Amino acid sequence: KVIDFQGNTDLGDISGQTFVNLMHPGVQTTIGDYCAELASGYPGLWGIQTDYHRFPLDNNTSDGNPGPYSYDSWSRQIFQIVTGFDPINFGPSPSGQLWDQFTAFRRSGIAECAGVMQNRIDLADSGIQFSGAIFAQATSNPSQFVKMQDWPTMAANGWLPYGVPMAYGTSTSSIGNDLSSAINQASGARVVPGLAILTNISRPSITAQLTTAADRDLHGI
């Protein structure tokens, strides 16, 4: 499980969710097995999409720690072996070179899980498309920092052939900014807009959203 720096577990974006630590080798093996089962056991399946490929939202924005996950025993042990420092000692207001290393360590591990998934899918059936729901500005927007989602690395390494930015903004300019940001970071991956209309939040019409995507030469949704 994902654990925060205060030892809390059963963490998720909403009540009842629990996130697993995608960095953990055992988690990666298990998810890889699921992907292989899907890819080999369901004839006619077109694709597999990973979602929530990240850490949860911040469970306490007032505690001073912008990246409170994951402080499980495995993550702490591995980071301490590499650096000599137990990340639990960062405290509530972390900073400095070691903190930057811990950030890179977590982002890298989560990204590598996509590589495991893609590899297992490809070995089972190379015709199945692997995609992932992503936050277009995951590595640049401070509000996205907590999620540790380095999807540009997934794309650059061929681990995420299809990136689906969740362009759920309430204006065409916001949606367009997310799509343009995704295009600029996608390397060789194909960007397929993820658009939202069926919510209680007022958003541009689907026609306006499709036009915004088409203006950027994006025609799949």
C-alpha atoms as a PDB file:
ATOM      1  CA  LYS A   1       0.000   0.000   0.000  1.00  0.00           C
ATOM      2  CA  VAL A   2       0.925   3.630  -0.423  1.00  0.00           C
ATOM      3  CA  ILE A   3       1.796   5.113   2.976  1.00  0.00           C
ATOM      4  CA  ASP A   4       2.198   8.777   3.833  1.00  0.00           C
ATOM      5  CA  PHE A   5       5.030  10.229   5.921  1.00  0.00           C
ATOM      6  CA  GLN A   6       2.853  10.078   9.043  1.00  0.00           C
ATOM      7  CA  GLY A   7       2.174   6.365   8.620  1.00  0.00           C
ATOM      8  CA  ASN A   8      -1.380   6.617   7.280  1.00  0.00           C
ATOM      9  CA  THR A   9      -2.633   3.859   4.970  1.00  0.00           C
ATOM     10  CA  ASP A  10      -5.881   3.149   3.064  1.00  0.00           C
ATOM     11  CA  LEU A  11      -5.191   6.354   1.146  1.00  0.00           C
ATOM     12  CA  GLY A  12      -7.106   7.360  -1.957  1.00  0.00           C
ATOM     13  CA  ASP A  13      -8.718  10.237  -3.787  1.00  0.00           C
ATOM     14  CA  ILE A  14     -12.127   9.377  -2.332  1.00  0.00           C
ATOM     15  CA  SER A  15     -13.375   7.401   0.656  1.00  0.00           C
ATOM     16  CA  GLY A  16     -12.892   3.662   0.283  1.00  0.00           C
ATOM     17  CA  GLN A  17     -10.025   3.807  -2.206  1.00  0.00           C
ATOM     18  CA  THR A  18      -6.645   2.258  -1.513  1.00  0.00           C
ATOM     19  CA  PHE A  19      -3.628   2.962  -3.701  1.00  0.00           C
ATOM     20  CA  VAL A  20      -0.855   0.436  -4.190  1.00  0.00           C
ATOM     21  CA  ASN A  21       2.727   1.566  -4.626  1.00  0.00           C
ATOM     22  CA  LEU A  22       3.446   1.105  -8.344  1.00  0.00           C
ATOM     23  CA  MET A  23       7.173   1.310  -7.598  1.00  0.00           C
ATOM     24  CA  HIS A  24       7.168  -1.965  -5.685  1.00  0.00           C
ATOM     25  CA  PRO A  25       8.513  -4.985  -7.637  1.00  0.00           C
ATOM     26  CA  GLY A  26       5.781  -7.267  -6.290  1.00  0.00           C
ATOM     27  CA  VAL A  27       3.081  -4.831  -7.349  1.00  0.00           C
ATOM     28  CA  GLN A  28       4.648  -4.510 -10.782  1.00  0.00           C
ATOM     29  CA  THR A  29       4.772  -8.298 -11.186  1.00  0.00           C
ATOM     30  CA  THR A  30       1.131  -8.677 -10.175  1.00  0.00           C
ATOM     31  CA  ILE A  31      -0.106  -5.908 -12.476  1.00  0.00           C
ATOM     32  CA  GLY A  32       2.051  -7.335 -15.258  1.00  0.00           C
ATOM     33  CA  ASP A  33       0.368 -10.713 -14.747  1.00  0.00           C
ATOM     34  CA  TYR A  34      -3.049  -9.066 -15.006  1.00  0.00           C
ATOM     35  CA  CYS A  35      -2.025  -7.362 -18.245  1.00  0.00           C
ATOM     36  CA  ALA A  36      -0.730 -10.633 -19.719  1.00  0.00           C
ATOM     37  CA  GLU A  37      -3.961 -12.383 -18.750  1.00  0.00           C
ATOM     38  CA  LEU A  38      -6.054  -9.683 -20.417  1.00  0.00           C
ATOM     39  CA  ALA A  39      -3.895  -9.594 -23.544  1.00  0.00           C
ATOM     40  CA  SER A  40      -3.835 -13.370 -24.015  1.00  0.00           C
ATOM     41  CA  GLY A  41      -7.232 -14.481 -22.720  1.00  0.00           C
ATOM     42  CA  TYR A  42      -9.720 -12.141 -24.378  1.00  0.00           C
ATOM     43  CA  PRO A  43      -9.734 -12.529 -28.178  1.00  0.00           C
ATOM     44  CA  GLY A  44     -10.771  -9.349 -29.971  1.00  0.00           C
ATOM     45  CA  LEU A  45      -9.662  -7.039 -27.181  1.00  0.00           C
ATOM     46  CA  TRP A  46      -8.443  -3.850 -28.858  1.00  0.00           C
ATOM     47  CA  GLY A  47      -6.580  -2.160 -26.062  1.00  0.00           C
ATOM     48  CA  ILE A  48      -5.745  -1.852 -22.375  1.00  0.00           C
ATOM     49  CA  GLN A  49      -5.636   1.489 -20.591  1.00  0.00           C
ATOM     50  CA  THR A  50      -3.983   2.215 -17.261  1.00  0.00           C
ATOM     51  CA  ASP A  51      -5.598   4.837 -15.031  1.00  0.00           C
ATOM     52  CA  TYR A  52      -4.657   6.203 -11.608  1.00  0.00           C
ATOM     53  CA  HIS A  53      -1.083   5.483 -12.650  1.00  0.00           C
ATOM     54  CA  ARG A  54       0.266   7.675  -9.876  1.00  0.00           C
ATOM     55  CA  PHE A  55       0.085   8.439  -6.171  1.00  0.00           C
ATOM     56  CA  PRO A  56      -3.148   9.770  -4.617  1.00  0.00           C
ATOM     57  CA  LEU A  57      -4.152  13.377  -4.223  1.00  0.00           C
ATOM     58  CA  ASP A  58      -2.677  15.149  -1.193  1.00  0.00           C
ATOM     59  CA  ASN A  59      -4.532  13.954   1.902  1.00  0.00           C
ATOM     60  CA  ASN A  60      -3.439  16.987   3.938  1.00  0.00           C
ATOM     61  CA  THR A  61      -2.500  20.156   2.084  1.00  0.00           C
ATOM     62  CA  SER A  62      -1.725  21.976   5.344  1.00  0.00           C
ATOM     63  CA  ASP A  63       0.976  19.614   6.640  1.00  0.00           C
ATOM     64  CA  GLY A  64       3.779  21.299   4.657  1.00  0.00           C
ATOM     65  CA  ASN A  65       4.812  18.195   2.707  1.00  0.00           C
ATOM     66  CA  PRO A  66       4.088  18.557  -1.044  1.00  0.00           C
ATOM     67  CA  GLY A  67       4.944  14.897  -1.746  1.00  0.00           C
ATOM     68  CA  PRO A  68       3.793  12.854   1.261  1.00  0.00           C
ATOM     69  CA  TYR A  69       3.853   9.412  -0.456  1.00  0.00           C
ATOM     70  CA  SER A  70       5.097   6.702  -0.374  1.00  0.00           C
ATOM     71  CA  TYR A  71       6.941   6.052   2.836  1.00  0.00           C
ATOM     72  CA  ASP A  72       6.310   2.319   2.950  1.00  0.00           C
ATOM     73  CA  SER A  73       9.099   0.179   4.352  1.00  0.00           C
ATOM     74  CA  TRP A  74      10.309  -1.033   0.944  1.00  0.00           C
ATOM     75  CA  SER A  75      10.623   2.467  -0.531  1.00  0.00           C
ATOM     76  CA  ARG A  76      12.400   3.748   2.564  1.00  0.00           C
ATOM     77  CA  GLN A  77      14.787   0.817   2.612  1.00  0.00           C
ATOM     78  CA  ILE A  78      15.746   1.060  -1.058  1.00  0.00           C
ATOM     79  CA  PHE A  79      16.274   4.813  -0.918  1.00  0.00           C
ATOM     80  CA  GLN A  80      18.367   4.443   2.218  1.00  0.00           C
ATOM     81  CA  ILE A  81      20.527   1.767   0.559  1.00  0.00           C
ATOM     82  CA  VAL A  82      21.156   4.073  -2.406  1.00  0.00           C
ATOM     83  CA  THR A  83      21.676   7.342  -0.522  1.00  0.00           C
ATOM     84  CA  GLY A  84      22.308   6.455   3.099  1.00  0.00           C
ATOM     85  CA  PHE A  85      19.284   8.544   4.099  1.00  0.00           C
ATOM     86  CA  ASP A  86      15.924   7.331   5.421  1.00  0.00           C
ATOM     87  CA  PRO A  87      13.255   9.551   3.803  1.00  0.00           C
ATOM     88  CA  ILE A  88      11.162   9.453   6.960  1.00  0.00           C
ATOM     89  CA  ASN A  89      13.694  11.959   8.298  1.00  0.00           C
ATOM     90  CA  PHE A  90      12.702  14.615   5.750  1.00  0.00           C
ATOM     91  CA  GLY A  91       9.950  15.764   8.081  1.00  0.00           C
ATOM     92  CA  PRO A  92       6.982  17.920   7.078  1.00  0.00           C
ATOM     93  CA  SER A  93       8.844  20.569   5.040  1.00  0.00           C
ATOM     94  CA  PRO A  94      11.359  18.721   2.834  1.00  0.00           C
ATOM     95  CA  SER A  95      13.835  20.396   0.502  1.00  0.00           C
ATOM     96  CA  GLY A  96      17.348  20.064  -0.888  1.00  0.00           C
ATOM     97  CA  GLN A  97      19.259  17.698  -3.121  1.00  0.00           C
ATOM     98  CA  LEU A  98      18.192  14.535  -1.318  1.00  0.00           C
ATOM     99  CA  TRP A  99      14.565  15.574  -1.627  1.00  0.00           C
ATOM    100  CA  ASP A 100      15.069  16.068  -5.360  1.00  0.00           C
ATOM    101  CA  GLN A 101      16.573  12.571  -5.503  1.00  0.00           C
ATOM    102  CA  PHE A 102      13.625  11.131  -3.603  1.00  0.00           C
ATOM    103  CA  THR A 103      11.263  12.832  -6.043  1.00  0.00           C
ATOM    104  CA  ALA A 104      13.149  11.383  -9.024  1.00  0.00           C
ATOM    105  CA  PHE A 105      13.228   7.961  -7.342  1.00  0.00           C
ATOM    106  CA  ARG A 106       9.446   7.895  -6.951  1.00  0.00           C
ATOM    107  CA  ARG A 107       8.650   9.263 -10.377  1.00  0.00           C
ATOM    108  CA  SER A 108      11.016   6.779 -11.980  1.00  0.00           C
ATOM    109  CA  GLY A 109       9.506   3.794 -10.169  1.00  0.00           C
ATOM    110  CA  ILE A 110       5.965   4.710 -11.120  1.00  0.00           C
ATOM    111  CA  ALA A 111       7.022   5.234 -14.738  1.00  0.00           C
ATOM    112  CA  GLU A 112       8.812   1.881 -14.832  1.00  0.00           C
ATOM    113  CA  CYS A 113       5.579   0.115 -13.902  1.00  0.00           C
ATOM    114  CA  ALA A 114       4.157   1.260 -17.245  1.00  0.00           C
ATOM    115  CA  GLY A 115       7.154  -0.356 -18.903  1.00  0.00           C
ATOM    116  CA  VAL A 116       6.408  -3.651 -17.178  1.00  0.00           C
ATOM    117  CA  MET A 117       2.771  -3.469 -18.260  1.00  0.00           C
ATOM    118  CA  GLN A 118       3.606  -2.604 -21.861  1.00  0.00           C
ATOM    119  CA  ASN A 119       6.180  -5.406 -22.067  1.00  0.00           C
ATOM    120  CA  ARG A 120       3.795  -8.050 -20.741  1.00  0.00           C
ATOM    121  CA  ILE A 121       1.049  -6.921 -23.110  1.00  0.00           C
ATOM    122  CA  ASP A 122       3.400  -6.898 -26.085  1.00  0.00           C
ATOM    123  CA  LEU A 123       4.722 -10.373 -25.298  1.00  0.00           C
ATOM    124  CA  ALA A 124       1.179 -11.743 -25.135  1.00  0.00           C
ATOM    125  CA  ASP A 125      -0.214  -9.916 -28.173  1.00  0.00           C
ATOM    126  CA  SER A 126       1.731  -7.168 -29.911  1.00  0.00           C
ATOM    127  CA  GLY A 127      -1.439  -5.978 -31.640  1.00  0.00           C
ATOM    128  CA  ILE A 128      -3.075  -4.751 -28.445  1.00  0.00           C
ATOM    129  CA  GLN A 129      -2.695  -1.009 -27.888  1.00  0.00           C
ATOM    130  CA  PHE A 130      -1.524   0.170 -24.473  1.00  0.00           C
ATOM    131  CA  SER A 131      -2.637   3.602 -23.330  1.00  0.00           C
ATOM    132  CA  GLY A 132      -2.731   5.623 -20.142  1.00  0.00           C
ATOM    133  CA  ALA A 133      -4.823   8.404 -18.648  1.00  0.00           C
ATOM    134  CA  ILE A 134      -2.398  11.228 -17.872  1.00  0.00           C
ATOM    135  CA  PHE A 135      -2.243  14.716 -16.447  1.00  0.00           C
ATOM    136  CA  ALA A 136      -0.793  16.859 -19.221  1.00  0.00           C
ATOM    137  CA  GLN A 137       1.106  19.121 -16.813  1.00  0.00           C
ATOM    138  CA  ALA A 138       1.983  16.454 -14.250  1.00  0.00           C
ATOM    139  CA  THR A 139       5.681  17.374 -14.059  1.00  0.00           C
ATOM    140  CA  SER A 140       5.367  21.159 -14.388  1.00  0.00           C
ATOM    141  CA  ASN A 141       2.284  22.219 -12.420  1.00  0.00           C
ATOM    142  CA  PRO A 142       3.004  22.432  -8.657  1.00  0.00           C
ATOM    143  CA  SER A 143      -0.511  21.232  -7.853  1.00  0.00           C
ATOM    144  CA  GLN A 144       0.247  17.969  -9.692  1.00  0.00           C
ATOM    145  CA  PHE A 145       3.566  17.339  -7.901  1.00  0.00           C
ATOM    146  CA  VAL A 146       2.096  15.008  -5.276  1.00  0.00           C
ATOM    147  CA  LYS A 147       1.040  12.460  -7.912  1.00  0.00           C
ATOM    148  CA  MET A 148       4.631  11.720  -9.015  1.00  0.00           C
ATOM    149  CA  GLN A 149       3.408  10.895 -12.515  1.00  0.00           C
ATOM    150  CA  ASP A 150       6.272  11.194 -14.994  1.00  0.00           C
ATOM    151  CA  TRP A 151       4.346  10.257 -18.092  1.00  0.00           C
ATOM    152  CA  PRO A 152       6.762  12.057 -20.472  1.00  0.00           C
ATOM    153  CA  THR A 153       9.398   9.481 -19.493  1.00  0.00           C
ATOM    154  CA  MET A 154       6.895   6.686 -20.091  1.00  0.00           C
ATOM    155  CA  ALA A 155       6.268   8.103 -23.564  1.00  0.00           C
ATOM    156  CA  ALA A 156       9.919   8.745 -24.394  1.00  0.00           C
ATOM    157  CA  ASN A 157      10.884   5.181 -23.453  1.00  0.00           C
ATOM    158  CA  GLY A 158       8.096   3.603 -25.489  1.00  0.00           C
ATOM    159  CA  TRP A 159       6.317   2.429 -22.361  1.00  0.00           C
ATOM    160  CA  LEU A 160       3.157   4.406 -23.140  1.00  0.00           C
ATOM    161  CA  PRO A 161       2.401   4.337 -26.879  1.00  0.00           C
ATOM    162  CA  TYR A 162      -0.875   6.211 -26.396  1.00  0.00           C
ATOM    163  CA  GLY A 163      -1.167   9.078 -23.913  1.00  0.00           C
ATOM    164  CA  VAL A 164      -4.678  10.214 -23.015  1.00  0.00           C
ATOM    165  CA  PRO A 165      -4.535  13.637 -21.339  1.00  0.00           C
ATOM    166  CA  MET A 166      -7.552  14.224 -19.128  1.00  0.00           C
ATOM    167  CA  ALA A 167      -8.447  17.579 -20.669  1.00  0.00           C
ATOM    168  CA  TYR A 168     -11.416  18.237 -18.425  1.00  0.00           C
ATOM    169  CA  GLY A 169     -11.188  22.031 -18.284  1.00  0.00           C
ATOM    170  CA  THR A 170     -14.197  24.333 -18.146  1.00  0.00           C
ATOM    171  CA  SER A 171     -13.071  26.422 -21.126  1.00  0.00           C
ATOM    172  CA  THR A 172     -11.706  25.674 -24.573  1.00  0.00           C
ATOM    173  CA  SER A 173      -8.546  27.606 -23.691  1.00  0.00           C
ATOM    174  CA  SER A 174      -7.896  25.362 -20.676  1.00  0.00           C
ATOM    175  CA  ILE A 175      -8.590  22.236 -22.712  1.00  0.00           C
ATOM    176  CA  GLY A 176      -6.384  23.519 -25.521  1.00  0.00           C
ATOM    177  CA  ASN A 177      -3.533  24.307 -23.132  1.00  0.00           C
ATOM    178  CA  ASP A 178      -3.616  20.756 -21.773  1.00  0.00           C
ATOM    179  CA  LEU A 179      -3.658  19.240 -25.247  1.00  0.00           C
ATOM    180  CA  SER A 180      -0.815  21.455 -26.475  1.00  0.00           C
ATOM    181  CA  SER A 181       1.211  20.654 -23.371  1.00  0.00           C
ATOM    182  CA  ALA A 182       0.706  16.930 -23.940  1.00  0.00           C
ATOM    183  CA  ILE A 183       1.720  17.211 -27.597  1.00  0.00           C
ATOM    184  CA  ASN A 184       4.914  19.051 -26.653  1.00  0.00           C
ATOM    185  CA  GLN A 185       5.964  16.326 -24.192  1.00  0.00           C
ATOM    186  CA  ALA A 186       4.742  13.192 -25.960  1.00  0.00           C
ATOM    187  CA  SER A 187       7.950  12.235 -27.807  1.00  0.00           C
ATOM    188  CA  GLY A 188       6.910   9.348 -30.047  1.00  0.00           C
ATOM    189  CA  ALA A 189       3.649   8.601 -28.261  1.00  0.00           C
ATOM    190  CA  ARG A 190       0.308   9.395 -29.836  1.00  0.00           C
ATOM    191  CA  VAL A 191      -1.839  11.916 -27.949  1.00  0.00           C
ATOM    192  CA  VAL A 192      -5.528  11.013 -27.764  1.00  0.00           C
ATOM    193  CA  PRO A 193      -7.668  13.648 -25.998  1.00  0.00           C
ATOM    194  CA  GLY A 194      -9.711  12.550 -23.020  1.00  0.00           C
ATOM    195  CA  LEU A 195     -12.740  14.851 -22.960  1.00  0.00           C
ATOM    196  CA  ALA A 196     -15.477  15.302 -20.337  1.00  0.00           C
ATOM    197  CA  ILE A 197     -19.124  16.180 -20.855  1.00  0.00           C
ATOM    198  CA  LEU A 198     -21.191  13.984 -18.519  1.00  0.00           C
ATOM    199  CA  THR A 199     -20.712  15.779 -15.197  1.00  0.00           C
ATOM    200  CA  ASN A 200     -22.502  18.412 -13.165  1.00  0.00           C
ATOM    201  CA  ILE A 201     -19.821  20.948 -14.087  1.00  0.00           C
ATOM    202  CA  SER A 202     -20.522  23.338 -16.954  1.00  0.00           C
ATOM    203  CA  ARG A 203     -18.140  22.712 -19.842  1.00  0.00           C
ATOM    204  CA  PRO A 204     -17.912  23.709 -23.504  1.00  0.00           C
ATOM    205  CA  SER A 205     -20.084  21.733 -25.907  1.00  0.00           C
ATOM    206  CA  ILE A 206     -18.587  18.551 -27.294  1.00  0.00           C
ATOM    207  CA  THR A 207     -18.494  20.250 -30.695  1.00  0.00           C
ATOM    208  CA  ALA A 208     -16.352  23.065 -29.291  1.00  0.00           C
ATOM    209  CA  GLN A 209     -14.093  20.553 -27.563  1.00  0.00           C
ATOM    210  CA  LEU A 210     -13.660  18.484 -30.727  1.00  0.00           C
ATOM    211  CA  THR A 211     -12.848  21.626 -32.686  1.00  0.00           C
ATOM    212  CA  THR A 212     -10.233  22.552 -30.091  1.00  0.00           C
ATOM    213  CA  ALA A 213      -8.655  19.119 -30.523  1.00  0.00           C
ATOM    214  CA  ALA A 214      -8.865  19.175 -34.310  1.00  0.00           C
ATOM    215  CA  ASP A 215      -7.166  22.588 -34.372  1.00  0.00           C
ATOM    216  CA  ARG A 216      -4.162  20.740 -32.919  1.00  0.00           C
ATOM    217  CA  ASP A 217      -4.452  17.933 -35.481  1.00  0.00           C
ATOM    218  CA  LEU A 218      -5.852  15.542 -32.875  1.00  0.00           C
ATOM    219  CA  HIS A 219      -8.723  13.527 -34.292  1.00  0.00           C
ATOM    220  CA  GLY A 220      -9.137  10.570 -31.953  1.00  0.00           C
ATOM    221  CA  ILE A 221     -10.941  10.975 -28.625  1.00  0.00           C
END
